[in-house]
Amino acid sequence: MRHGIPNLGALQAFEATARLGSFSRAAEELSLTHSAVYRQVTGLEQRLGVELLTRVRRRVAVTSAGAEYAARVRHHLEQLEKDTLGLMSRSGMGRSLHIAVLPTLATTWLVPRLPDFQRLHGDIAVSLSVRTLPFHFNDHPFDAAIYHAEQIWPQTAGIKLFEEGALLPVCTADVLASASDAPDPMSCLTHLHMSSRPDAWRQWYQAQGREYVPSISAGPRYELFTMTLAAVKAGMGVALVPRFLVQDELEAGRLLAPVEGVLSVRESYFFSYPVASERSEALLSFETWLTGITQSLQR
């Protein structure tokens, strides 16, 4: 018995509470009661002799020592999950892949194509997790990642899926009609922004030789393209989005470009995996399948 290692349930309860900032939300995620999670975390603190969380009424804050410990615990829990899935694969329970992917690309581009991969490789389970920022594979339990960048990540190998191409402004016909009396419709429209691309509208206006006035920045901001597109379809304003995401909507007339002019971008979408790790047959199969998709897109 390893007497220096705390109970796994206590570690899970602490990590979830630190990450979510709430005993109640951690309890919901772990399918436990609030009191059970509270007891687990309190017992862990007593065992370690270190204050990990501060409790002020119903608010929970992570101490500096708790934040560092939570990050380490999270890493080991994720690695344990990856090791478990790997063992299951080697035991004949089916092969598996864990891919980090951008949320909008997953829902609009990858997931609709996955049934074809499942048809070809029914014994490979592909799990997806959202990551919007670059990361080091050593710190995360992923076999590969699909991401947006100017070039492939250092110390990885893989393929370029496709270039993003250009961002163009889109809105609904009703939104454009509301500004039809204005000499410049764009001046009357609420501009929706992406928090991950805060300068996109400024760059678009510069590319068109238009003046970027401060009021443009006053529009709401969204974290994901899926949120931004939902806001556009709800008639909340005009947004800059990649053409490939809205091509079907434009062709069907459900969305339209209020003015001509696009913003060319240098970034592309890549699929890659760490060069230091041995590629599994499942990973090779997934890469081959993605290569076939990219070749069809280029025809």
C-alpha atoms as a PDB file:
ATOM      1  CA  MET A   1       0.000   0.000   0.000  1.00  0.00           C
ATOM      2  CA  ARG A   2       1.250   3.466  -0.901  1.00  0.00           C
ATOM      3  CA  HIS A   3       0.481   5.375   2.280  1.00  0.00           C
ATOM      4  CA  GLY A   4       1.641   8.729   0.854  1.00  0.00           C
ATOM      5  CA  ILE A   5      -1.008   8.832  -1.892  1.00  0.00           C
ATOM      6  CA  PRO A   6      -4.423  10.316  -0.960  1.00  0.00           C
ATOM      7  CA  ASN A   7      -7.674   8.593  -1.834  1.00  0.00           C
ATOM      8  CA  LEU A   8      -8.474   8.863  -5.563  1.00  0.00           C
ATOM      9  CA  GLY A   9     -12.020  10.010  -4.832  1.00  0.00           C
ATOM     10  CA  ALA A  10     -10.711  12.855  -2.690  1.00  0.00           C
ATOM     11  CA  LEU A  11      -8.327  13.935  -5.439  1.00  0.00           C
ATOM     12  CA  GLN A  12     -11.153  13.913  -8.006  1.00  0.00           C
ATOM     13  CA  ALA A  13     -13.392  15.903  -5.681  1.00  0.00           C
ATOM     14  CA  PHE A  14     -10.686  18.499  -5.049  1.00  0.00           C
ATOM     15  CA  GLU A  15      -9.695  18.829  -8.736  1.00  0.00           C
ATOM     16  CA  ALA A  16     -13.309  19.293  -9.833  1.00  0.00           C
ATOM     17  CA  THR A  17     -14.011  21.835  -7.088  1.00  0.00           C
ATOM     18  CA  ALA A  18     -10.860  23.813  -7.890  1.00  0.00           C
ATOM     19  CA  ARG A  19     -11.624  23.783 -11.612  1.00  0.00           C
ATOM     20  CA  LEU A  20     -15.314  24.635 -11.318  1.00  0.00           C
ATOM     21  CA  GLY A  21     -15.053  26.939  -8.292  1.00  0.00           C
ATOM     22  CA  SER A  22     -17.995  25.333  -6.552  1.00  0.00           C
ATOM     23  CA  PHE A  23     -18.714  22.294  -4.375  1.00  0.00           C
ATOM     24  CA  SER A  24     -22.186  22.067  -5.907  1.00  0.00           C
ATOM     25  CA  ARG A  25     -20.955  22.074  -9.496  1.00  0.00           C
ATOM     26  CA  ALA A  26     -18.238  19.547  -8.637  1.00  0.00           C
ATOM     27  CA  ALA A  27     -20.863  17.329  -6.996  1.00  0.00           C
ATOM     28  CA  GLU A  28     -23.029  17.527 -10.110  1.00  0.00           C
ATOM     29  CA  GLU A  29     -20.114  16.584 -12.369  1.00  0.00           C
ATOM     30  CA  LEU A  30     -19.074  13.657 -10.160  1.00  0.00           C
ATOM     31  CA  SER A  31     -22.666  12.502  -9.478  1.00  0.00           C
ATOM     32  CA  LEU A  32     -22.168  12.968  -5.721  1.00  0.00           C
ATOM     33  CA  THR A  33     -23.872  15.043  -3.057  1.00  0.00           C
ATOM     34  CA  HIS A  34     -22.599  18.460  -2.053  1.00  0.00           C
ATOM     35  CA  SER A  35     -21.787  17.210   1.442  1.00  0.00           C
ATOM     36  CA  ALA A  36     -19.847  14.218   0.092  1.00  0.00           C
ATOM     37  CA  VAL A  37     -17.601  16.435  -2.025  1.00  0.00           C
ATOM     38  CA  TYR A  38     -17.136  18.867   0.863  1.00  0.00           C
ATOM     39  CA  ARG A  39     -16.112  16.039   3.201  1.00  0.00           C
ATOM     40  CA  GLN A  40     -13.689  14.612   0.631  1.00  0.00           C
ATOM     41  CA  VAL A  41     -11.937  17.963   0.106  1.00  0.00           C
ATOM     42  CA  THR A  42     -11.863  18.814   3.802  1.00  0.00           C
ATOM     43  CA  GLY A  43     -10.415  15.387   4.589  1.00  0.00           C
ATOM     44  CA  LEU A  44      -7.754  15.863   1.923  1.00  0.00           C
ATOM     45  CA  GLU A  45      -6.728  19.220   3.427  1.00  0.00           C
ATOM     46  CA  GLN A  46      -6.531  17.686   6.882  1.00  0.00           C
ATOM     47  CA  ARG A  47      -4.384  14.829   5.609  1.00  0.00           C
ATOM     48  CA  LEU A  48      -2.016  17.137   3.747  1.00  0.00           C
ATOM     49  CA  GLY A  49      -1.944  19.800   6.430  1.00  0.00           C
ATOM     50  CA  VAL A  50      -2.312  22.440   3.706  1.00  0.00           C
ATOM     51  CA  GLU A  51      -5.189  24.810   2.978  1.00  0.00           C
ATOM     52  CA  LEU A  52      -6.171  24.161  -0.643  1.00  0.00           C
ATOM     53  CA  LEU A  53      -9.391  26.181  -0.823  1.00  0.00           C
ATOM     54  CA  THR A  54     -10.751  29.191   0.987  1.00  0.00           C
ATOM     55  CA  ARG A  55     -14.467  29.271   1.763  1.00  0.00           C
ATOM     56  CA  VAL A  56     -16.293  32.578   2.075  1.00  0.00           C
ATOM     57  CA  ARG A  57     -19.998  31.953   2.522  1.00  0.00           C
ATOM     58  CA  ARG A  58     -20.949  30.103  -0.681  1.00  0.00           C
ATOM     59  CA  ARG A  59     -17.893  31.130  -2.632  1.00  0.00           C
ATOM     60  CA  VAL A  60     -14.836  28.928  -3.068  1.00  0.00           C
ATOM     61  CA  ALA A  61     -11.406  30.250  -4.032  1.00  0.00           C
ATOM     62  CA  VAL A  62      -8.251  28.257  -4.691  1.00  0.00           C
ATOM     63  CA  THR A  63      -5.157  29.132  -2.687  1.00  0.00           C
ATOM     64  CA  SER A  64      -1.796  29.432  -4.428  1.00  0.00           C
ATOM     65  CA  ALA A  65      -0.760  26.026  -3.070  1.00  0.00           C
ATOM     66  CA  GLY A  66      -4.134  24.610  -4.096  1.00  0.00           C
ATOM     67  CA  ALA A  67      -3.840  25.936  -7.644  1.00  0.00           C
ATOM     68  CA  GLU A  68      -0.448  24.310  -8.110  1.00  0.00           C
ATOM     69  CA  TYR A  69      -1.612  21.018  -6.608  1.00  0.00           C
ATOM     70  CA  ALA A  70      -4.837  21.036  -8.665  1.00  0.00           C
ATOM     71  CA  ALA A  71      -2.853  21.407 -11.899  1.00  0.00           C
ATOM     72  CA  ARG A  72      -0.646  18.464 -10.980  1.00  0.00           C
ATOM     73  CA  VAL A  73      -3.605  16.321  -9.922  1.00  0.00           C
ATOM     74  CA  ARG A  74      -5.445  17.185 -13.155  1.00  0.00           C
ATOM     75  CA  HIS A  75      -2.452  16.112 -15.214  1.00  0.00           C
ATOM     76  CA  HIS A  76      -2.188  12.767 -13.453  1.00  0.00           C
ATOM     77  CA  LEU A  77      -5.928  12.094 -13.640  1.00  0.00           C
ATOM     78  CA  GLU A  78      -5.893  12.766 -17.379  1.00  0.00           C
ATOM     79  CA  GLN A  79      -2.856  10.534 -17.817  1.00  0.00           C
ATOM     80  CA  LEU A  80      -4.563   7.786 -15.813  1.00  0.00           C
ATOM     81  CA  GLU A  81      -7.586   8.046 -18.091  1.00  0.00           C
ATOM     82  CA  LYS A  82      -5.370   7.799 -21.179  1.00  0.00           C
ATOM     83  CA  ASP A  83      -3.508   4.798 -19.755  1.00  0.00           C
ATOM     84  CA  THR A  84      -6.798   3.086 -18.977  1.00  0.00           C
ATOM     85  CA  LEU A  85      -8.104   3.612 -22.499  1.00  0.00           C
ATOM     86  CA  GLY A  86      -4.817   2.316 -23.879  1.00  0.00           C
ATOM     87  CA  LEU A  87      -5.055  -0.815 -21.762  1.00  0.00           C
ATOM     88  CA  MET A  88      -8.607  -1.406 -22.928  1.00  0.00           C
ATOM     89  CA  SER A  89      -7.442  -1.099 -26.536  1.00  0.00           C
ATOM     90  CA  ARG A  90      -4.632  -3.608 -26.076  1.00  0.00           C
ATOM     91  CA  SER A  91      -7.011  -6.003 -24.293  1.00  0.00           C
ATOM     92  CA  GLY A  92      -9.177  -6.437 -27.363  1.00  0.00           C
ATOM     93  CA  MET A  93     -11.985  -4.136 -26.209  1.00  0.00           C
ATOM     94  CA  GLY A  94     -11.504  -1.936 -29.241  1.00  0.00           C
ATOM     95  CA  ARG A  95      -8.919   0.649 -30.216  1.00  0.00           C
ATOM     96  CA  SER A  96      -9.332   4.269 -29.202  1.00  0.00           C
ATOM     97  CA  LEU A  97      -8.136   7.767 -30.043  1.00  0.00           C
ATOM     98  CA  HIS A  98      -8.441  10.940 -27.997  1.00  0.00           C
ATOM     99  CA  ILE A  99      -8.314  14.045 -30.198  1.00  0.00           C
ATOM    100  CA  ALA A 100      -8.207  17.680 -29.081  1.00  0.00           C
ATOM    101  CA  VAL A 101     -10.185  19.842 -31.488  1.00  0.00           C
ATOM    102  CA  LEU A 102     -11.588  23.325 -31.914  1.00  0.00           C
ATOM    103  CA  PRO A 103     -15.272  23.338 -30.922  1.00  0.00           C
ATOM    104  CA  THR A 104     -16.765  24.944 -34.028  1.00  0.00           C
ATOM    105  CA  LEU A 105     -14.656  22.858 -36.386  1.00  0.00           C
ATOM    106  CA  ALA A 106     -15.709  19.746 -34.481  1.00  0.00           C
ATOM    107  CA  THR A 107     -19.440  20.400 -34.708  1.00  0.00           C
ATOM    108  CA  THR A 108     -19.574  21.775 -38.253  1.00  0.00           C
ATOM    109  CA  TRP A 109     -16.786  19.917 -40.074  1.00  0.00           C
ATOM    110  CA  LEU A 110     -15.378  16.886 -38.238  1.00  0.00           C
ATOM    111  CA  VAL A 111     -18.326  15.254 -36.468  1.00  0.00           C
ATOM    112  CA  PRO A 112     -20.559  15.182 -39.589  1.00  0.00           C
ATOM    113  CA  ARG A 113     -17.779  13.231 -41.354  1.00  0.00           C
ATOM    114  CA  LEU A 114     -17.019  10.801 -38.516  1.00  0.00           C
ATOM    115  CA  PRO A 115     -19.730   8.280 -39.515  1.00  0.00           C
ATOM    116  CA  ASP A 116     -17.653   7.584 -42.638  1.00  0.00           C
ATOM    117  CA  PHE A 117     -14.599   6.849 -40.482  1.00  0.00           C
ATOM    118  CA  GLN A 118     -16.720   4.652 -38.216  1.00  0.00           C
ATOM    119  CA  ARG A 119     -17.942   2.729 -41.253  1.00  0.00           C
ATOM    120  CA  LEU A 120     -14.344   2.080 -42.351  1.00  0.00           C
ATOM    121  CA  HIS A 121     -12.902   1.470 -38.869  1.00  0.00           C
ATOM    122  CA  GLY A 122     -15.683   0.286 -36.631  1.00  0.00           C
ATOM    123  CA  ASP A 123     -13.284  -0.949 -33.952  1.00  0.00           C
ATOM    124  CA  ILE A 124     -11.732   2.488 -33.361  1.00  0.00           C
ATOM    125  CA  ALA A 125     -13.491   4.783 -30.899  1.00  0.00           C
ATOM    126  CA  VAL A 126     -12.706   8.460 -31.527  1.00  0.00           C
ATOM    127  CA  SER A 127     -13.184  10.679 -28.474  1.00  0.00           C
ATOM    128  CA  LEU A 128     -13.081  14.463 -28.852  1.00  0.00           C
ATOM    129  CA  SER A 129     -12.225  17.155 -26.311  1.00  0.00           C
ATOM    130  CA  VAL A 130     -12.320  20.906 -26.832  1.00  0.00           C
ATOM    131  CA  ARG A 131      -9.109  22.919 -26.754  1.00  0.00           C
ATOM    132  CA  THR A 132      -9.047  26.461 -28.103  1.00  0.00           C
ATOM    133  CA  LEU A 133      -5.466  27.369 -27.148  1.00  0.00           C
ATOM    134  CA  PRO A 134      -2.104  25.757 -28.034  1.00  0.00           C
ATOM    135  CA  PHE A 135      -0.772  23.213 -25.559  1.00  0.00           C
ATOM    136  CA  HIS A 136       2.078  20.742 -25.033  1.00  0.00           C
ATOM    137  CA  PHE A 137       1.178  17.104 -25.583  1.00  0.00           C
ATOM    138  CA  ASN A 138       3.297  16.130 -22.574  1.00  0.00           C
ATOM    139  CA  ASP A 139       0.855  17.980 -20.347  1.00  0.00           C
ATOM    140  CA  HIS A 140      -2.360  16.573 -21.828  1.00  0.00           C
ATOM    141  CA  PRO A 141      -3.709  13.068 -22.511  1.00  0.00           C
ATOM    142  CA  PHE A 142      -4.292  13.531 -26.244  1.00  0.00           C
ATOM    143  CA  ASP A 143      -3.086  11.360 -29.101  1.00  0.00           C
ATOM    144  CA  ALA A 144      -3.402  14.213 -31.609  1.00  0.00           C
ATOM    145  CA  ALA A 145      -4.960  17.629 -32.144  1.00  0.00           C
ATOM    146  CA  ILE A 146      -6.818  19.553 -34.835  1.00  0.00           C
ATOM    147  CA  TYR A 147      -6.088  23.250 -34.516  1.00  0.00           C
ATOM    148  CA  HIS A 148      -5.863  26.638 -36.224  1.00  0.00           C
ATOM    149  CA  ALA A 149      -2.397  28.130 -36.809  1.00  0.00           C
ATOM    150  CA  GLU A 150      -0.020  29.595 -39.375  1.00  0.00           C
ATOM    151  CA  GLN A 151       2.069  26.422 -39.412  1.00  0.00           C
ATOM    152  CA  ILE A 152       2.240  23.007 -37.846  1.00  0.00           C
ATOM    153  CA  TRP A 153       3.149  22.984 -34.158  1.00  0.00           C
ATOM    154  CA  PRO A 154       6.807  22.468 -33.197  1.00  0.00           C
ATOM    155  CA  GLN A 155       7.855  18.921 -32.330  1.00  0.00           C
ATOM    156  CA  THR A 156       4.819  17.464 -34.061  1.00  0.00           C
ATOM    157  CA  ALA A 157       4.137  15.744 -37.373  1.00  0.00           C
ATOM    158  CA  GLY A 158       0.944  15.628 -39.371  1.00  0.00           C
ATOM    159  CA  ILE A 159      -0.926  17.229 -42.246  1.00  0.00           C
ATOM    160  CA  LYS A 160      -2.551  20.511 -43.220  1.00  0.00           C
ATOM    161  CA  LEU A 161      -6.266  19.934 -43.566  1.00  0.00           C
ATOM    162  CA  PHE A 162      -7.175  23.119 -45.441  1.00  0.00           C
ATOM    163  CA  GLU A 163      -6.546  26.842 -45.497  1.00  0.00           C
ATOM    164  CA  GLU A 164      -9.069  29.025 -43.749  1.00  0.00           C
ATOM    165  CA  GLY A 165      -9.143  31.260 -46.795  1.00  0.00           C
ATOM    166  CA  ALA A 166     -11.015  34.420 -45.896  1.00  0.00           C
ATOM    167  CA  LEU A 167     -13.401  35.971 -43.404  1.00  0.00           C
ATOM    168  CA  LEU A 168     -16.432  37.757 -44.765  1.00  0.00           C
ATOM    169  CA  PRO A 169     -19.227  39.750 -43.107  1.00  0.00           C
ATOM    170  CA  VAL A 170     -22.603  37.982 -42.901  1.00  0.00           C
ATOM    171  CA  CYS A 171     -26.020  38.824 -41.517  1.00  0.00           C
ATOM    172  CA  THR A 172     -29.676  37.994 -42.126  1.00  0.00           C
ATOM    173  CA  ALA A 173     -31.818  39.691 -44.774  1.00  0.00           C
ATOM    174  CA  ASP A 174     -33.978  41.290 -42.063  1.00  0.00           C
ATOM    175  CA  VAL A 175     -30.943  42.832 -40.379  1.00  0.00           C
ATOM    176  CA  LEU A 176     -29.721  44.267 -43.663  1.00  0.00           C
ATOM    177  CA  ALA A 177     -33.208  45.571 -44.484  1.00  0.00           C
ATOM    178  CA  SER A 178     -33.230  47.508 -41.208  1.00  0.00           C
ATOM    179  CA  ALA A 179     -30.289  49.542 -42.511  1.00  0.00           C
ATOM    180  CA  SER A 180     -31.438  49.841 -46.126  1.00  0.00           C
ATOM    181  CA  ASP A 181     -32.050  53.582 -45.896  1.00  0.00           C
ATOM    182  CA  ALA A 182     -28.503  54.354 -44.778  1.00  0.00           C
ATOM    183  CA  PRO A 183     -25.868  55.385 -47.368  1.00  0.00           C
ATOM    184  CA  ASP A 184     -23.558  52.801 -45.830  1.00  0.00           C
ATOM    185  CA  PRO A 185     -25.496  49.869 -44.318  1.00  0.00           C
ATOM    186  CA  MET A 186     -22.480  48.762 -42.262  1.00  0.00           C
ATOM    187  CA  SER A 187     -22.567  51.994 -40.278  1.00  0.00           C
ATOM    188  CA  CYS A 188     -25.970  51.075 -38.840  1.00  0.00           C
ATOM    189  CA  LEU A 189     -25.337  47.440 -38.028  1.00  0.00           C
ATOM    190  CA  THR A 190     -24.234  46.045 -34.683  1.00  0.00           C
ATOM    191  CA  HIS A 191     -20.854  44.395 -35.148  1.00  0.00           C
ATOM    192  CA  LEU A 192     -20.455  41.041 -33.401  1.00  0.00           C
ATOM    193  CA  HIS A 193     -16.923  40.152 -32.290  1.00  0.00           C
ATOM    194  CA  MET A 194     -14.944  36.986 -31.606  1.00  0.00           C
ATOM    195  CA  SER A 195     -12.987  37.230 -28.363  1.00  0.00           C
ATOM    196  CA  SER A 196     -10.227  35.028 -29.818  1.00  0.00           C
ATOM    197  CA  ARG A 197      -9.857  37.408 -32.796  1.00  0.00           C
ATOM    198  CA  PRO A 198     -10.293  40.833 -31.243  1.00  0.00           C
ATOM    199  CA  ASP A 199      -8.736  42.758 -34.147  1.00  0.00           C
ATOM    200  CA  ALA A 200     -10.581  41.039 -36.993  1.00  0.00           C
ATOM    201  CA  TRP A 201     -13.048  43.843 -37.668  1.00  0.00           C
ATOM    202  CA  ARG A 202     -10.327  46.498 -37.475  1.00  0.00           C
ATOM    203  CA  GLN A 203      -8.250  44.527 -39.996  1.00  0.00           C
ATOM    204  CA  TRP A 204     -11.270  44.046 -42.266  1.00  0.00           C
ATOM    205  CA  TYR A 205     -11.982  47.786 -42.316  1.00  0.00           C
ATOM    206  CA  GLN A 206      -8.329  48.544 -43.049  1.00  0.00           C
ATOM    207  CA  ALA A 207      -8.295  45.988 -45.884  1.00  0.00           C
ATOM    208  CA  GLN A 208     -11.332  47.662 -47.458  1.00  0.00           C
ATOM    209  CA  GLY A 209      -9.914  51.169 -47.043  1.00  0.00           C
ATOM    210  CA  ARG A 210     -12.768  52.034 -44.693  1.00  0.00           C
ATOM    211  CA  GLU A 211     -12.630  54.078 -41.505  1.00  0.00           C
ATOM    212  CA  TYR A 212     -12.838  52.049 -38.305  1.00  0.00           C
ATOM    213  CA  VAL A 213     -14.812  54.151 -35.820  1.00  0.00           C
ATOM    214  CA  PRO A 214     -14.761  53.439 -32.049  1.00  0.00           C
ATOM    215  CA  SER A 215     -18.467  52.554 -31.932  1.00  0.00           C
ATOM    216  CA  ILE A 216     -17.745  49.372 -33.908  1.00  0.00           C
ATOM    217  CA  SER A 217     -15.933  47.956 -30.879  1.00  0.00           C
ATOM    218  CA  ALA A 218     -19.036  48.348 -28.703  1.00  0.00           C
ATOM    219  CA  GLY A 219     -20.710  45.220 -30.071  1.00  0.00           C
ATOM    220  CA  PRO A 220     -20.992  42.004 -28.042  1.00  0.00           C
ATOM    221  CA  ARG A 221     -18.213  39.436 -27.977  1.00  0.00           C
ATOM    222  CA  TYR A 222     -18.465  35.669 -28.221  1.00  0.00           C
ATOM    223  CA  GLU A 223     -15.912  32.978 -27.508  1.00  0.00           C
ATOM    224  CA  LEU A 224     -16.840  30.558 -30.300  1.00  0.00           C
ATOM    225  CA  PHE A 225     -17.851  30.831 -33.944  1.00  0.00           C
ATOM    226  CA  THR A 226     -20.885  28.662 -33.147  1.00  0.00           C
ATOM    227  CA  MET A 227     -22.053  31.303 -30.667  1.00  0.00           C
ATOM    228  CA  THR A 228     -21.353  34.092 -33.133  1.00  0.00           C
ATOM    229  CA  LEU A 229     -23.261  32.365 -35.928  1.00  0.00           C
ATOM    230  CA  ALA A 230     -26.185  31.691 -33.605  1.00  0.00           C
ATOM    231  CA  ALA A 231     -26.263  35.404 -32.779  1.00  0.00           C
ATOM    232  CA  VAL A 232     -26.158  36.285 -36.485  1.00  0.00           C
ATOM    233  CA  LYS A 233     -29.060  33.945 -37.249  1.00  0.00           C
ATOM    234  CA  ALA A 234     -30.984  35.420 -34.318  1.00  0.00           C
ATOM    235  CA  GLY A 235     -30.739  38.833 -35.996  1.00  0.00           C
ATOM    236  CA  MET A 236     -28.380  40.391 -33.473  1.00  0.00           C
ATOM    237  CA  GLY A 237     -25.990  41.925 -36.000  1.00  0.00           C
ATOM    238  CA  VAL A 238     -23.248  41.287 -38.534  1.00  0.00           C
ATOM    239  CA  ALA A 239     -20.199  39.091 -37.953  1.00  0.00           C
ATOM    240  CA  LEU A 240     -16.954  38.140 -39.672  1.00  0.00           C
ATOM    241  CA  VAL A 241     -16.794  34.383 -40.182  1.00  0.00           C
ATOM    242  CA  PRO A 242     -14.818  31.946 -42.371  1.00  0.00           C
ATOM    243  CA  ARG A 243     -16.508  31.405 -45.708  1.00  0.00           C
ATOM    244  CA  PHE A 244     -16.390  27.603 -45.416  1.00  0.00           C
ATOM    245  CA  LEU A 245     -18.576  27.766 -42.294  1.00  0.00           C
ATOM    246  CA  VAL A 246     -21.391  29.662 -44.003  1.00  0.00           C
ATOM    247  CA  GLN A 247     -21.121  28.621 -47.647  1.00  0.00           C
ATOM    248  CA  ASP A 248     -24.307  26.491 -47.494  1.00  0.00           C
ATOM    249  CA  GLU A 249     -26.184  29.263 -45.692  1.00  0.00           C
ATOM    250  CA  LEU A 250     -25.128  31.803 -48.326  1.00  0.00           C
ATOM    251  CA  GLU A 251     -26.098  29.553 -51.225  1.00  0.00           C
ATOM    252  CA  ALA A 252     -29.493  28.866 -49.634  1.00  0.00           C
ATOM    253  CA  GLY A 253     -30.087  32.561 -49.013  1.00  0.00           C
ATOM    254  CA  ARG A 254     -30.472  32.147 -45.251  1.00  0.00           C
ATOM    255  CA  LEU A 255     -27.524  34.488 -44.742  1.00  0.00           C
ATOM    256  CA  LEU A 256     -26.013  37.139 -46.982  1.00  0.00           C
ATOM    257  CA  ALA A 257     -23.023  39.430 -47.199  1.00  0.00           C
ATOM    258  CA  PRO A 258     -24.208  43.013 -46.632  1.00  0.00           C
ATOM    259  CA  VAL A 259     -21.233  44.427 -48.583  1.00  0.00           C
ATOM    260  CA  GLU A 260     -18.425  43.095 -50.726  1.00  0.00           C
ATOM    261  CA  GLY A 261     -14.961  42.655 -49.284  1.00  0.00           C
ATOM    262  CA  VAL A 262     -13.210  39.904 -47.354  1.00  0.00           C
ATOM    263  CA  LEU A 263     -10.313  39.643 -44.956  1.00  0.00           C
ATOM    264  CA  SER A 264      -7.674  37.212 -46.183  1.00  0.00           C
ATOM    265  CA  VAL A 265      -6.010  35.192 -43.433  1.00  0.00           C
ATOM    266  CA  ARG A 266      -2.764  33.215 -43.357  1.00  0.00           C
ATOM    267  CA  GLU A 267      -3.862  30.563 -40.879  1.00  0.00           C
ATOM    268  CA  SER A 268      -4.889  27.031 -41.773  1.00  0.00           C
ATOM    269  CA  TYR A 269      -6.308  24.022 -39.965  1.00  0.00           C
ATOM    270  CA  PHE A 270      -3.839  21.266 -39.090  1.00  0.00           C
ATOM    271  CA  PHE A 271      -3.898  17.743 -37.710  1.00  0.00           C
ATOM    272  CA  SER A 272      -0.767  16.689 -35.847  1.00  0.00           C
ATOM    273  CA  TYR A 273       0.651  14.490 -33.103  1.00  0.00           C
ATOM    274  CA  PRO A 274       3.905  14.453 -31.094  1.00  0.00           C
ATOM    275  CA  VAL A 275       6.947  13.122 -32.953  1.00  0.00           C
ATOM    276  CA  ALA A 276       8.347  11.711 -29.708  1.00  0.00           C
ATOM    277  CA  SER A 277       5.522   9.186 -29.370  1.00  0.00           C
ATOM    278  CA  GLU A 278       5.109   6.016 -31.383  1.00  0.00           C
ATOM    279  CA  ARG A 279       2.150   6.277 -33.736  1.00  0.00           C
ATOM    280  CA  SER A 280      -0.488   3.638 -33.151  1.00  0.00           C
ATOM    281  CA  GLU A 281      -2.291   1.855 -35.955  1.00  0.00           C
ATOM    282  CA  ALA A 282      -5.451   3.705 -34.960  1.00  0.00           C
ATOM    283  CA  LEU A 283      -3.698   7.072 -35.285  1.00  0.00           C
ATOM    284  CA  LEU A 284      -2.263   6.121 -38.676  1.00  0.00           C
ATOM    285  CA  SER A 285      -5.709   5.050 -39.867  1.00  0.00           C
ATOM    286  CA  PHE A 286      -7.220   8.349 -38.737  1.00  0.00           C
ATOM    287  CA  GLU A 287      -4.473  10.354 -40.458  1.00  0.00           C
ATOM    288  CA  THR A 288      -4.940   8.396 -43.686  1.00  0.00           C
ATOM    289  CA  TRP A 289      -8.675   9.029 -43.550  1.00  0.00           C
ATOM    290  CA  LEU A 290      -8.159  12.769 -42.993  1.00  0.00           C
ATOM    291  CA  THR A 291      -5.656  12.850 -45.862  1.00  0.00           C
ATOM    292  CA  GLY A 292      -8.337  11.451 -48.149  1.00  0.00           C
ATOM    293  CA  ILE A 293     -10.715  14.219 -47.091  1.00  0.00           C
ATOM    294  CA  THR A 294      -8.154  16.956 -47.721  1.00  0.00           C
ATOM    295  CA  GLN A 295      -7.403  15.546 -51.174  1.00  0.00           C
ATOM    296  CA  SER A 296     -11.098  15.545 -52.059  1.00  0.00           C
ATOM    297  CA  LEU A 297     -11.420  19.152 -50.906  1.00  0.00           C
ATOM    298  CA  GLN A 298      -8.598  20.189 -53.253  1.00  0.00           C
ATOM    299  CA  ARG A 299     -10.192  18.702 -56.348  1.00  0.00           C
END
